[in-house]
All heavy atoms as atom14 arrays in JSON, in Angstrom:
{
  "sequence": "IAVVRGEAHDPRLPAASLDAAVLVHMYHEISQPYGLLHNLAAAMKP",
  "atom14_mask": [
    [1, 1, 1, 1, 1, 1, 1, 1, 0, 0, 0, 0, 0, 0],
    [1, 1, 1, 1, 1, 0, 0, 0, 0, 0, 0, 0, 0, 0],
    [1, 1, 1, 1, 1, 1, 1, 0, 0, 0, 0, 0, 0, 0],
    [1, 1, 1, 1, 1, 1, 1, 0, 0, 0, 0, 0, 0, 0],
    [1, 1, 1, 1, 1, 1, 1, 1, 1, 1, 1, 0, 0, 0],
    [1, 1, 1, 1, 0, 0, 0, 0, 0, 0, 0, 0, 0, 0],
    [1, 1, 1, 1, 1, 1, 1, 1, 1, 0, 0, 0, 0, 0],
    [1, 1, 1, 1, 1, 0, 0, 0, 0, 0, 0, 0, 0, 0],
    [1, 1, 1, 1, 1, 1, 1, 1, 1, 1, 0, 0, 0, 0],
    [1, 1, 1, 1, 1, 1, 1, 1, 0, 0, 0, 0, 0, 0],
    [1, 1, 1, 1, 1, 1, 1, 0, 0, 0, 0, 0, 0, 0],
    [1, 1, 1, 1, 1, 1, 1, 1, 1, 1, 1, 0, 0, 0],
    [1, 1, 1, 1, 1, 1, 1, 1, 0, 0, 0, 0, 0, 0],
    [1, 1, 1, 1, 1, 1, 1, 0, 0, 0, 0, 0, 0, 0],
    [1, 1, 1, 1, 1, 0, 0, 0, 0, 0, 0, 0, 0, 0],
    [1, 1, 1, 1, 1, 0, 0, 0, 0, 0, 0, 0, 0, 0],
    [1, 1, 1, 1, 1, 1, 0, 0, 0, 0, 0, 0, 0, 0],
    [1, 1, 1, 1, 1, 1, 1, 1, 0, 0, 0, 0, 0, 0],
    [1, 1, 1, 1, 1, 1, 1, 1, 0, 0, 0, 0, 0, 0],
    [1, 1, 1, 1, 1, 0, 0, 0, 0, 0, 0, 0, 0, 0],
    [1, 1, 1, 1, 1, 0, 0, 0, 0, 0, 0, 0, 0, 0],
    [1, 1, 1, 1, 1, 1, 1, 0, 0, 0, 0, 0, 0, 0],
    [1, 1, 1, 1, 1, 1, 1, 1, 0, 0, 0, 0, 0, 0],
    [1, 1, 1, 1, 1, 1, 1, 0, 0, 0, 0, 0, 0, 0],
    [1, 1, 1, 1, 1, 1, 1, 1, 1, 1, 0, 0, 0, 0],
    [1, 1, 1, 1, 1, 1, 1, 1, 0, 0, 0, 0, 0, 0],
    [1, 1, 1, 1, 1, 1, 1, 1, 1, 1, 1, 1, 0, 0],
    [1, 1, 1, 1, 1, 1, 1, 1, 1, 1, 0, 0, 0, 0],
    [1, 1, 1, 1, 1, 1, 1, 1, 1, 0, 0, 0, 0, 0],
    [1, 1, 1, 1, 1, 1, 1, 1, 0, 0, 0, 0, 0, 0],
    [1, 1, 1, 1, 1, 1, 0, 0, 0, 0, 0, 0, 0, 0],
    [1, 1, 1, 1, 1, 1, 1, 1, 1, 0, 0, 0, 0, 0],
    [1, 1, 1, 1, 1, 1, 1, 0, 0, 0, 0, 0, 0, 0],
    [1, 1, 1, 1, 1, 1, 1, 1, 1, 1, 1, 1, 0, 0],
    [1, 1, 1, 1, 0, 0, 0, 0, 0, 0, 0, 0, 0, 0],
    [1, 1, 1, 1, 1, 1, 1, 1, 0, 0, 0, 0, 0, 0],
    [1, 1, 1, 1, 1, 1, 1, 1, 0, 0, 0, 0, 0, 0],
    [1, 1, 1, 1, 1, 1, 1, 1, 1, 1, 0, 0, 0, 0],
    [1, 1, 1, 1, 1, 1, 1, 1, 0, 0, 0, 0, 0, 0],
    [1, 1, 1, 1, 1, 1, 1, 1, 0, 0, 0, 0, 0, 0],
    [1, 1, 1, 1, 1, 0, 0, 0, 0, 0, 0, 0, 0, 0],
    [1, 1, 1, 1, 1, 0, 0, 0, 0, 0, 0, 0, 0, 0],
    [1, 1, 1, 1, 1, 0, 0, 0, 0, 0, 0, 0, 0, 0],
    [1, 1, 1, 1, 1, 1, 1, 1, 0, 0, 0, 0, 0, 0],
    [1, 1, 1, 1, 1, 1, 1, 1, 1, 0, 0, 0, 0, 0],
    [1, 1, 1, 1, 1, 1, 1, 0, 0, 0, 0, 0, 0, 0]
  ],
  "atom14_positions": [
    [[-23.69, 111.37, 87.9], [-24.97, 110.84, 88.36], [-24.83, 109.35, 88.62], [-24.29, 108.62, 87.79], [-26.09, 111.06, 87.32], [-26.28, 112.55, 87.03], [-27.41, 110.45, 87.8], [-27.24, 112.82, 85.89], [0.0, 0.0, 0.0], [0.0, 0.0, 0.0], [0.0, 0.0, 0.0], [0.0, 0.0, 0.0], [0.0, 0.0, 0.0], [0.0, 0.0, 0.0]],
    [[-25.32, 108.89, 89.76], [-25.36, 107.46, 90.07], [-26.8, 107.09, 90.4], [-27.45, 107.76, 91.2], [-24.45, 107.14, 91.25], [0.0, 0.0, 0.0], [0.0, 0.0, 0.0], [0.0, 0.0, 0.0], [0.0, 0.0, 0.0], [0.0, 0.0, 0.0], [0.0, 0.0, 0.0], [0.0, 0.0, 0.0], [0.0, 0.0, 0.0], [0.0, 0.0, 0.0]],
    [[-27.31, 106.04, 89.76], [-28.67, 105.56, 90.02], [-28.59, 104.5, 91.12], [-27.78, 103.58, 91.06], [-29.31, 104.99, 88.74], [-30.74, 104.52, 89.01], [-29.3, 106.05, 87.64], [0.0, 0.0, 0.0], [0.0, 0.0, 0.0], [0.0, 0.0, 0.0], [0.0, 0.0, 0.0], [0.0, 0.0, 0.0], [0.0, 0.0, 0.0], [0.0, 0.0, 0.0]],
    [[-29.45, 104.65, 92.13], [-29.34, 103.82, 93.33], [-30.69, 103.18, 93.65], [-31.72, 103.84, 93.64], [-28.91, 104.67, 94.55], [-28.7, 103.78, 95.77], [-27.66, 105.47, 94.23], [0.0, 0.0, 0.0], [0.0, 0.0, 0.0], [0.0, 0.0, 0.0], [0.0, 0.0, 0.0], [0.0, 0.0, 0.0], [0.0, 0.0, 0.0], [0.0, 0.0, 0.0]],
    [[-30.67, 101.9, 93.96], [-31.89, 101.21, 94.4], [-31.97, 101.26, 95.93], [-31.05, 100.87, 96.64], [-31.87, 99.75, 93.94], [-33.09, 98.94, 94.44], [-33.2, 97.62, 93.72], [-32.01, 96.79, 93.89], [-31.79, 96.0, 94.94], [-32.65, 95.96, 95.93], [-30.69, 95.27, 94.99], [0.0, 0.0, 0.0], [0.0, 0.0, 0.0], [0.0, 0.0, 0.0]],
    [[-33.09, 101.76, 96.42], [-33.3, 101.81, 97.85], [-34.47, 100.93, 98.26], [-34.96, 100.12, 97.47], [0.0, 0.0, 0.0], [0.0, 0.0, 0.0], [0.0, 0.0, 0.0], [0.0, 0.0, 0.0], [0.0, 0.0, 0.0], [0.0, 0.0, 0.0], [0.0, 0.0, 0.0], [0.0, 0.0, 0.0], [0.0, 0.0, 0.0], [0.0, 0.0, 0.0]],
    [[-34.9, 101.1, 99.49], [-36.08, 100.4, 100.0], [-37.07, 101.44, 100.48], [-36.72, 102.6, 100.71], [-35.69, 99.46, 101.14], [-34.71, 98.38, 100.74], [-34.3, 97.53, 101.92], [-35.18, 96.9, 102.53], [-33.1, 97.5, 102.24], [0.0, 0.0, 0.0], [0.0, 0.0, 0.0], [0.0, 0.0, 0.0], [0.0, 0.0, 0.0], [0.0, 0.0, 0.0]],
    [[-38.34, 101.05, 100.65], [-39.38, 102.01, 101.0], [-39.08, 102.73, 102.31], [-39.49, 103.88, 102.5], [-40.73, 101.29, 101.08], [0.0, 0.0, 0.0], [0.0, 0.0, 0.0], [0.0, 0.0, 0.0], [0.0, 0.0, 0.0], [0.0, 0.0, 0.0], [0.0, 0.0, 0.0], [0.0, 0.0, 0.0], [0.0, 0.0, 0.0], [0.0, 0.0, 0.0]],
    [[-38.35, 102.09, 103.21], [-38.05, 102.7, 104.51], [-36.58, 103.08, 104.66], [-36.17, 103.55, 105.73], [-38.39, 101.71, 105.63], [-37.47, 100.53, 105.66], [-37.52, 99.54, 104.71], [-36.44, 100.22, 106.49], [-36.56, 98.66, 104.96], [-35.89, 99.05, 106.03], [0.0, 0.0, 0.0], [0.0, 0.0, 0.0], [0.0, 0.0, 0.0], [0.0, 0.0, 0.0]],
    [[-35.79, 102.89, 103.59], [-34.34, 103.06, 103.72], [-33.73, 103.35, 102.35], [-33.75, 102.51, 101.46], [-33.74, 101.77, 104.28], [-32.25, 101.86, 104.56], [-31.64, 102.91, 104.26], [-31.68, 100.88, 105.08], [0.0, 0.0, 0.0], [0.0, 0.0, 0.0], [0.0, 0.0, 0.0], [0.0, 0.0, 0.0], [0.0, 0.0, 0.0], [0.0, 0.0, 0.0]],
    [[-33.16, 104.56, 102.15], [-32.58, 104.88, 100.84], [-31.29, 104.14, 100.54], [-30.83, 104.15, 99.39], [-32.35, 106.39, 100.92], [-32.19, 106.67, 102.36], [-33.1, 105.7, 103.08], [0.0, 0.0, 0.0], [0.0, 0.0, 0.0], [0.0, 0.0, 0.0], [0.0, 0.0, 0.0], [0.0, 0.0, 0.0], [0.0, 0.0, 0.0], [0.0, 0.0, 0.0]],
    [[-30.69, 103.52, 101.55], [-29.46, 102.71, 101.36], [-28.33, 103.54, 100.73], [-27.72, 103.12, 99.74], [-29.77, 101.47, 100.53], [-30.83, 100.55, 101.08], [-30.35, 99.73, 102.25], [-29.24, 98.87, 101.9], [-29.39, 97.63, 101.4], [-30.61, 97.15, 101.21], [-28.33, 96.9, 101.13], [0.0, 0.0, 0.0], [0.0, 0.0, 0.0], [0.0, 0.0, 0.0]],
    [[-28.07, 104.7, 101.31], [-27.02, 105.6, 100.81], [-25.84, 105.62, 101.78], [-26.0, 105.39, 102.98], [-27.58, 107.01, 100.62], [-28.72, 107.12, 99.6], [-29.3, 108.52, 99.61], [-28.25, 106.74, 98.2], [0.0, 0.0, 0.0], [0.0, 0.0, 0.0], [0.0, 0.0, 0.0], [0.0, 0.0, 0.0], [0.0, 0.0, 0.0], [0.0, 0.0, 0.0]],
    [[-24.63, 105.91, 101.28], [-23.44, 105.88, 102.14], [-23.54, 106.85, 103.31], [-24.08, 107.95, 103.2], [-22.31, 106.29, 101.18], [-22.83, 105.96, 99.82], [-24.3, 106.2, 99.88], [0.0, 0.0, 0.0], [0.0, 0.0, 0.0], [0.0, 0.0, 0.0], [0.0, 0.0, 0.0], [0.0, 0.0, 0.0], [0.0, 0.0, 0.0], [0.0, 0.0, 0.0]],
    [[-22.98, 106.45, 104.44], [-23.01, 107.26, 105.65], [-22.27, 108.58, 105.45], [-21.21, 108.63, 104.81], [-22.4, 106.48, 106.81], [0.0, 0.0, 0.0], [0.0, 0.0, 0.0], [0.0, 0.0, 0.0], [0.0, 0.0, 0.0], [0.0, 0.0, 0.0], [0.0, 0.0, 0.0], [0.0, 0.0, 0.0], [0.0, 0.0, 0.0], [0.0, 0.0, 0.0]],
    [[-22.84, 109.66, 105.99], [-22.21, 110.99, 106.0], [-21.71, 111.41, 104.62], [-20.64, 111.99, 104.5], [-21.07, 111.01, 107.01], [0.0, 0.0, 0.0], [0.0, 0.0, 0.0], [0.0, 0.0, 0.0], [0.0, 0.0, 0.0], [0.0, 0.0, 0.0], [0.0, 0.0, 0.0], [0.0, 0.0, 0.0], [0.0, 0.0, 0.0], [0.0, 0.0, 0.0]],
    [[-22.51, 111.15, 103.59], [-22.08, 111.43, 102.22], [-22.78, 112.61, 101.57], [-22.32, 113.12, 100.55], [-22.29, 110.19, 101.35], [-23.67, 109.86, 101.25], [0.0, 0.0, 0.0], [0.0, 0.0, 0.0], [0.0, 0.0, 0.0], [0.0, 0.0, 0.0], [0.0, 0.0, 0.0], [0.0, 0.0, 0.0], [0.0, 0.0, 0.0], [0.0, 0.0, 0.0]],
    [[-23.9, 113.07, 102.13], [-24.76, 114.04, 101.44], [-24.71, 115.43, 102.06], [-24.86, 115.6, 103.27], [-26.2, 113.55, 101.45], [-26.49, 112.18, 100.85], [-27.96, 111.83, 101.04], [-26.12, 112.15, 99.37], [0.0, 0.0, 0.0], [0.0, 0.0, 0.0], [0.0, 0.0, 0.0], [0.0, 0.0, 0.0], [0.0, 0.0, 0.0], [0.0, 0.0, 0.0]],
    [[-24.57, 116.43, 101.19], [-24.74, 117.82, 101.62], [-26.22, 118.16, 101.7], [-26.63, 118.97, 102.53], [-24.05, 118.77, 100.63], [-22.55, 118.57, 100.6], [-21.9, 118.93, 101.6], [-22.04, 118.06, 99.58], [0.0, 0.0, 0.0], [0.0, 0.0, 0.0], [0.0, 0.0, 0.0], [0.0, 0.0, 0.0], [0.0, 0.0, 0.0], [0.0, 0.0, 0.0]],
    [[-27.0, 117.57, 100.8], [-28.44, 117.85, 100.77], [-29.18, 116.7, 100.1], [-28.59, 115.92, 99.34], [-28.7, 119.16, 100.02], [0.0, 0.0, 0.0], [0.0, 0.0, 0.0], [0.0, 0.0, 0.0], [0.0, 0.0, 0.0], [0.0, 0.0, 0.0], [0.0, 0.0, 0.0], [0.0, 0.0, 0.0], [0.0, 0.0, 0.0], [0.0, 0.0, 0.0]],
    [[-30.48, 116.63, 100.39], [-31.34, 115.63, 99.75], [-32.68, 116.29, 99.46], [-33.13, 117.16, 100.21], [-31.54, 114.42, 100.65], [0.0, 0.0, 0.0], [0.0, 0.0, 0.0], [0.0, 0.0, 0.0], [0.0, 0.0, 0.0], [0.0, 0.0, 0.0], [0.0, 0.0, 0.0], [0.0, 0.0, 0.0], [0.0, 0.0, 0.0], [0.0, 0.0, 0.0]],
    [[-33.3, 115.88, 98.36], [-34.63, 116.39, 98.02], [-35.6, 115.22, 97.9], [-35.24, 114.14, 97.42], [-34.63, 117.22, 96.72], [-33.82, 118.5, 96.91], [-34.1, 116.42, 95.54], [0.0, 0.0, 0.0], [0.0, 0.0, 0.0], [0.0, 0.0, 0.0], [0.0, 0.0, 0.0], [0.0, 0.0, 0.0], [0.0, 0.0, 0.0], [0.0, 0.0, 0.0]],
    [[-36.81, 115.45, 98.36], [-37.91, 114.5, 98.21], [-39.03, 115.28, 97.54], [-39.66, 116.14, 98.16], [-38.37, 113.95, 99.56], [-37.38, 113.07, 100.35], [-36.35, 113.92, 101.1], [-38.14, 112.19, 101.35], [0.0, 0.0, 0.0], [0.0, 0.0, 0.0], [0.0, 0.0, 0.0], [0.0, 0.0, 0.0], [0.0, 0.0, 0.0], [0.0, 0.0, 0.0]],
    [[-39.25, 115.02, 96.27], [-40.11, 115.88, 95.46], [-41.43, 115.2, 95.12], [-41.46, 114.2, 94.41], [-39.38, 116.31, 94.16], [-40.27, 117.22, 93.33], [-38.07, 117.01, 94.49], [0.0, 0.0, 0.0], [0.0, 0.0, 0.0], [0.0, 0.0, 0.0], [0.0, 0.0, 0.0], [0.0, 0.0, 0.0], [0.0, 0.0, 0.0], [0.0, 0.0, 0.0]],
    [[-42.51, 115.76, 95.63], [-43.86, 115.27, 95.36], [-43.97, 113.76, 95.55], [-44.59, 113.06, 94.73], [-44.31, 115.67, 93.95], [-44.53, 117.14, 93.82], [-45.57, 117.8, 94.45], [-43.84, 118.09, 93.15], [-45.5, 119.09, 94.16], [-44.46, 119.29, 93.39], [0.0, 0.0, 0.0], [0.0, 0.0, 0.0], [0.0, 0.0, 0.0], [0.0, 0.0, 0.0]],
    [[-43.38, 113.27, 96.61], [-43.46, 111.83, 96.9], [-43.54, 111.51, 98.39], [-43.73, 110.37, 98.77], [-42.25, 111.09, 96.28], [-40.87, 111.61, 96.67], [-40.33, 111.2, 98.36], [-40.07, 109.46, 98.23], [0.0, 0.0, 0.0], [0.0, 0.0, 0.0], [0.0, 0.0, 0.0], [0.0, 0.0, 0.0], [0.0, 0.0, 0.0], [0.0, 0.0, 0.0]],
    [[-43.43, 112.54, 99.25], [-43.45, 112.27, 100.69], [-44.72, 111.54, 101.09], [-44.7, 110.62, 101.92], [-43.31, 113.57, 101.48], [-43.17, 113.32, 102.97], [-41.93, 113.03, 103.52], [-44.28, 113.33, 103.82], [-41.79, 112.76, 104.88], [-44.15, 113.06, 105.16], [-42.91, 112.77, 105.7], [-42.79, 112.49, 107.04], [0.0, 0.0, 0.0], [0.0, 0.0, 0.0]],
    [[-45.84, 111.91, 100.48], [-47.13, 111.29, 100.8], [-47.21, 109.83, 100.35], [-48.15, 109.12, 100.71], [-48.27, 112.09, 100.14], [-48.02, 112.37, 98.69], [-47.36, 113.51, 98.24], [-48.3, 111.65, 97.58], [-47.27, 113.48, 96.92], [-47.82, 112.36, 96.5], [0.0, 0.0, 0.0], [0.0, 0.0, 0.0], [0.0, 0.0, 0.0], [0.0, 0.0, 0.0]],
    [[-46.23, 109.38, 99.55], [-46.2, 108.0, 99.08], [-45.31, 107.11, 99.96], [-45.2, 105.9, 99.72], [-45.69, 107.94, 97.64], [-46.59, 108.68, 96.65], [-45.98, 108.8, 95.27], [-44.77, 108.49, 95.12], [-46.68, 109.21, 94.34], [0.0, 0.0, 0.0], [0.0, 0.0, 0.0], [0.0, 0.0, 0.0], [0.0, 0.0, 0.0], [0.0, 0.0, 0.0]],
    [[-44.67, 107.69, 100.96], [-43.76, 106.93, 101.82], [-44.56, 106.14, 102.84], [-45.25, 106.72, 103.69], [-42.76, 107.87, 102.52], [-41.95, 108.65, 101.49], [-41.83, 107.06, 103.42], [-41.07, 109.73, 102.11], [0.0, 0.0, 0.0], [0.0, 0.0, 0.0], [0.0, 0.0, 0.0], [0.0, 0.0, 0.0], [0.0, 0.0, 0.0], [0.0, 0.0, 0.0]],
    [[-44.45, 104.84, 102.78], [-45.24, 103.98, 103.66], [-44.7, 103.95, 105.09], [-45.45, 103.69, 106.03], [-45.31, 102.56, 103.1], [-44.0, 102.01, 102.96], [0.0, 0.0, 0.0], [0.0, 0.0, 0.0], [0.0, 0.0, 0.0], [0.0, 0.0, 0.0], [0.0, 0.0, 0.0], [0.0, 0.0, 0.0], [0.0, 0.0, 0.0], [0.0, 0.0, 0.0]],
    [[-43.4, 104.21, 105.25], [-42.79, 104.21, 106.58], [-41.91, 105.46, 106.7], [-40.67, 105.39, 106.6], [-41.97, 102.94, 106.81], [-41.3, 102.82, 108.17], [-42.12, 103.35, 109.32], [-42.03, 104.51, 109.69], [-42.95, 102.48, 109.89], [0.0, 0.0, 0.0], [0.0, 0.0, 0.0], [0.0, 0.0, 0.0], [0.0, 0.0, 0.0], [0.0, 0.0, 0.0]],
    [[-42.54, 106.64, 106.9], [-41.76, 107.89, 106.92], [-40.75, 107.96, 108.06], [-39.65, 108.49, 107.87], [-42.84, 108.97, 107.06], [-44.02, 108.27, 107.66], [-43.98, 106.88, 107.1], [0.0, 0.0, 0.0], [0.0, 0.0, 0.0], [0.0, 0.0, 0.0], [0.0, 0.0, 0.0], [0.0, 0.0, 0.0], [0.0, 0.0, 0.0], [0.0, 0.0, 0.0]],
    [[-41.1, 107.43, 109.23], [-40.17, 107.53, 110.36], [-38.91, 106.7, 110.11], [-37.79, 107.13, 110.43], [-40.86, 107.08, 111.65], [-42.13, 107.86, 111.92], [-43.38, 107.27, 111.8], [-42.08, 109.22, 112.25], [-44.55, 107.99, 112.02], [-43.23, 109.95, 112.47], [-44.47, 109.33, 112.35], [-45.62, 110.05, 112.56], [0.0, 0.0, 0.0], [0.0, 0.0, 0.0]],
    [[-39.07, 105.54, 109.5], [-37.92, 104.72, 109.16], [-37.07, 105.36, 108.07], [-35.83, 105.39, 108.16], [0.0, 0.0, 0.0], [0.0, 0.0, 0.0], [0.0, 0.0, 0.0], [0.0, 0.0, 0.0], [0.0, 0.0, 0.0], [0.0, 0.0, 0.0], [0.0, 0.0, 0.0], [0.0, 0.0, 0.0], [0.0, 0.0, 0.0], [0.0, 0.0, 0.0]],
    [[-37.72, 105.89, 107.04], [-36.98, 106.52, 105.95], [-36.2, 107.72, 106.46], [-35.0, 107.88, 106.13], [-37.93, 106.95, 104.83], [-37.22, 107.63, 103.66], [-36.44, 106.6, 102.85], [-38.19, 108.37, 102.76], [0.0, 0.0, 0.0], [0.0, 0.0, 0.0], [0.0, 0.0, 0.0], [0.0, 0.0, 0.0], [0.0, 0.0, 0.0], [0.0, 0.0, 0.0]],
    [[-36.84, 108.56, 107.25], [-36.16, 109.75, 107.76], [-35.0, 109.37, 108.69], [-33.93, 110.0, 108.65], [-37.15, 110.64, 108.5], [-38.22, 111.3, 107.62], [-39.31, 111.94, 108.49], [-37.6, 112.34, 106.7], [0.0, 0.0, 0.0], [0.0, 0.0, 0.0], [0.0, 0.0, 0.0], [0.0, 0.0, 0.0], [0.0, 0.0, 0.0], [0.0, 0.0, 0.0]],
    [[-35.2, 108.35, 109.5], [-34.14, 107.89, 110.4], [-32.94, 107.39, 109.61], [-31.79, 107.78, 109.89], [-34.69, 106.76, 111.28], [-33.72, 106.24, 112.29], [-33.67, 106.7, 113.6], [-32.76, 105.28, 112.19], [-32.72, 106.06, 114.25], [-32.15, 105.2, 113.42], [0.0, 0.0, 0.0], [0.0, 0.0, 0.0], [0.0, 0.0, 0.0], [0.0, 0.0, 0.0]],
    [[-33.19, 106.55, 108.62], [-32.08, 105.99, 107.84], [-31.45, 107.02, 106.91], [-30.24, 106.95, 106.64], [-32.57, 104.78, 107.06], [-32.88, 103.59, 107.97], [-32.15, 103.32, 108.92], [-33.97, 102.88, 107.68], [0.0, 0.0, 0.0], [0.0, 0.0, 0.0], [0.0, 0.0, 0.0], [0.0, 0.0, 0.0], [0.0, 0.0, 0.0], [0.0, 0.0, 0.0]],
    [[-32.26, 107.97, 106.42], [-31.7, 109.04, 105.58], [-30.76, 109.92, 106.38], [-29.72, 110.36, 105.87], [-32.84, 109.88, 104.98], [-32.42, 111.13, 104.19], [-31.55, 110.75, 102.99], [-33.66, 111.9, 103.73], [0.0, 0.0, 0.0], [0.0, 0.0, 0.0], [0.0, 0.0, 0.0], [0.0, 0.0, 0.0], [0.0, 0.0, 0.0], [0.0, 0.0, 0.0]],
    [[-31.1, 110.18, 107.64], [-30.26, 111.05, 108.47], [-28.84, 110.53, 108.58], [-27.88, 111.3, 108.65], [-30.88, 111.2, 109.86], [0.0, 0.0, 0.0], [0.0, 0.0, 0.0], [0.0, 0.0, 0.0], [0.0, 0.0, 0.0], [0.0, 0.0, 0.0], [0.0, 0.0, 0.0], [0.0, 0.0, 0.0], [0.0, 0.0, 0.0], [0.0, 0.0, 0.0]],
    [[-28.69, 109.21, 108.57], [-27.35, 108.62, 108.67], [-26.5, 108.94, 107.44], [-25.27, 108.91, 107.51], [-27.45, 107.11, 108.84], [0.0, 0.0, 0.0], [0.0, 0.0, 0.0], [0.0, 0.0, 0.0], [0.0, 0.0, 0.0], [0.0, 0.0, 0.0], [0.0, 0.0, 0.0], [0.0, 0.0, 0.0], [0.0, 0.0, 0.0], [0.0, 0.0, 0.0]],
    [[-27.16, 109.23, 106.31], [-26.43, 109.53, 105.08], [-26.07, 111.0, 104.95], [-25.31, 111.37, 104.04], [-27.26, 109.11, 103.87], [0.0, 0.0, 0.0], [0.0, 0.0, 0.0], [0.0, 0.0, 0.0], [0.0, 0.0, 0.0], [0.0, 0.0, 0.0], [0.0, 0.0, 0.0], [0.0, 0.0, 0.0], [0.0, 0.0, 0.0], [0.0, 0.0, 0.0]],
    [[-26.58, 111.84, 105.85], [-26.34, 113.28, 105.76], [-25.04, 113.69, 106.46], [-24.69, 113.16, 107.51], [-27.51, 114.04, 106.37], [-28.89, 113.69, 105.82], [-29.07, 113.93, 104.04], [-28.78, 115.7, 103.91], [0.0, 0.0, 0.0], [0.0, 0.0, 0.0], [0.0, 0.0, 0.0], [0.0, 0.0, 0.0], [0.0, 0.0, 0.0], [0.0, 0.0, 0.0]],
    [[-24.34, 114.65, 105.86], [-23.2, 115.25, 106.54], [-23.71, 116.15, 107.67], [-24.88, 116.53, 107.69], [-22.4, 116.09, 105.54], [-21.74, 115.3, 104.42], [-21.01, 116.24, 103.47], [-20.37, 115.48, 102.31], [-19.68, 116.39, 101.35], [0.0, 0.0, 0.0], [0.0, 0.0, 0.0], [0.0, 0.0, 0.0], [0.0, 0.0, 0.0], [0.0, 0.0, 0.0]],
    [[-22.86, 116.51, 108.62], [-23.29, 117.43, 109.68], [-23.84, 118.72, 109.08], [-23.23, 119.33, 108.21], [-21.98, 117.7, 110.45], [-21.17, 116.46, 110.23], [-21.46, 116.04, 108.82], [0.0, 0.0, 0.0], [0.0, 0.0, 0.0], [0.0, 0.0, 0.0], [0.0, 0.0, 0.0], [0.0, 0.0, 0.0], [0.0, 0.0, 0.0], [0.0, 0.0, 0.0]]
  ]
}
């Protein structure tokens, strides 16, 4: 387990590193969903 500090619009995770990601009971708290989703996509594997 690694604890990571992100930003409201950017999780700041390594590129192409994730098989999956979960957002649990917090999507409605995201102030900039389009930015977060855009930047999260860069961290996902194909």
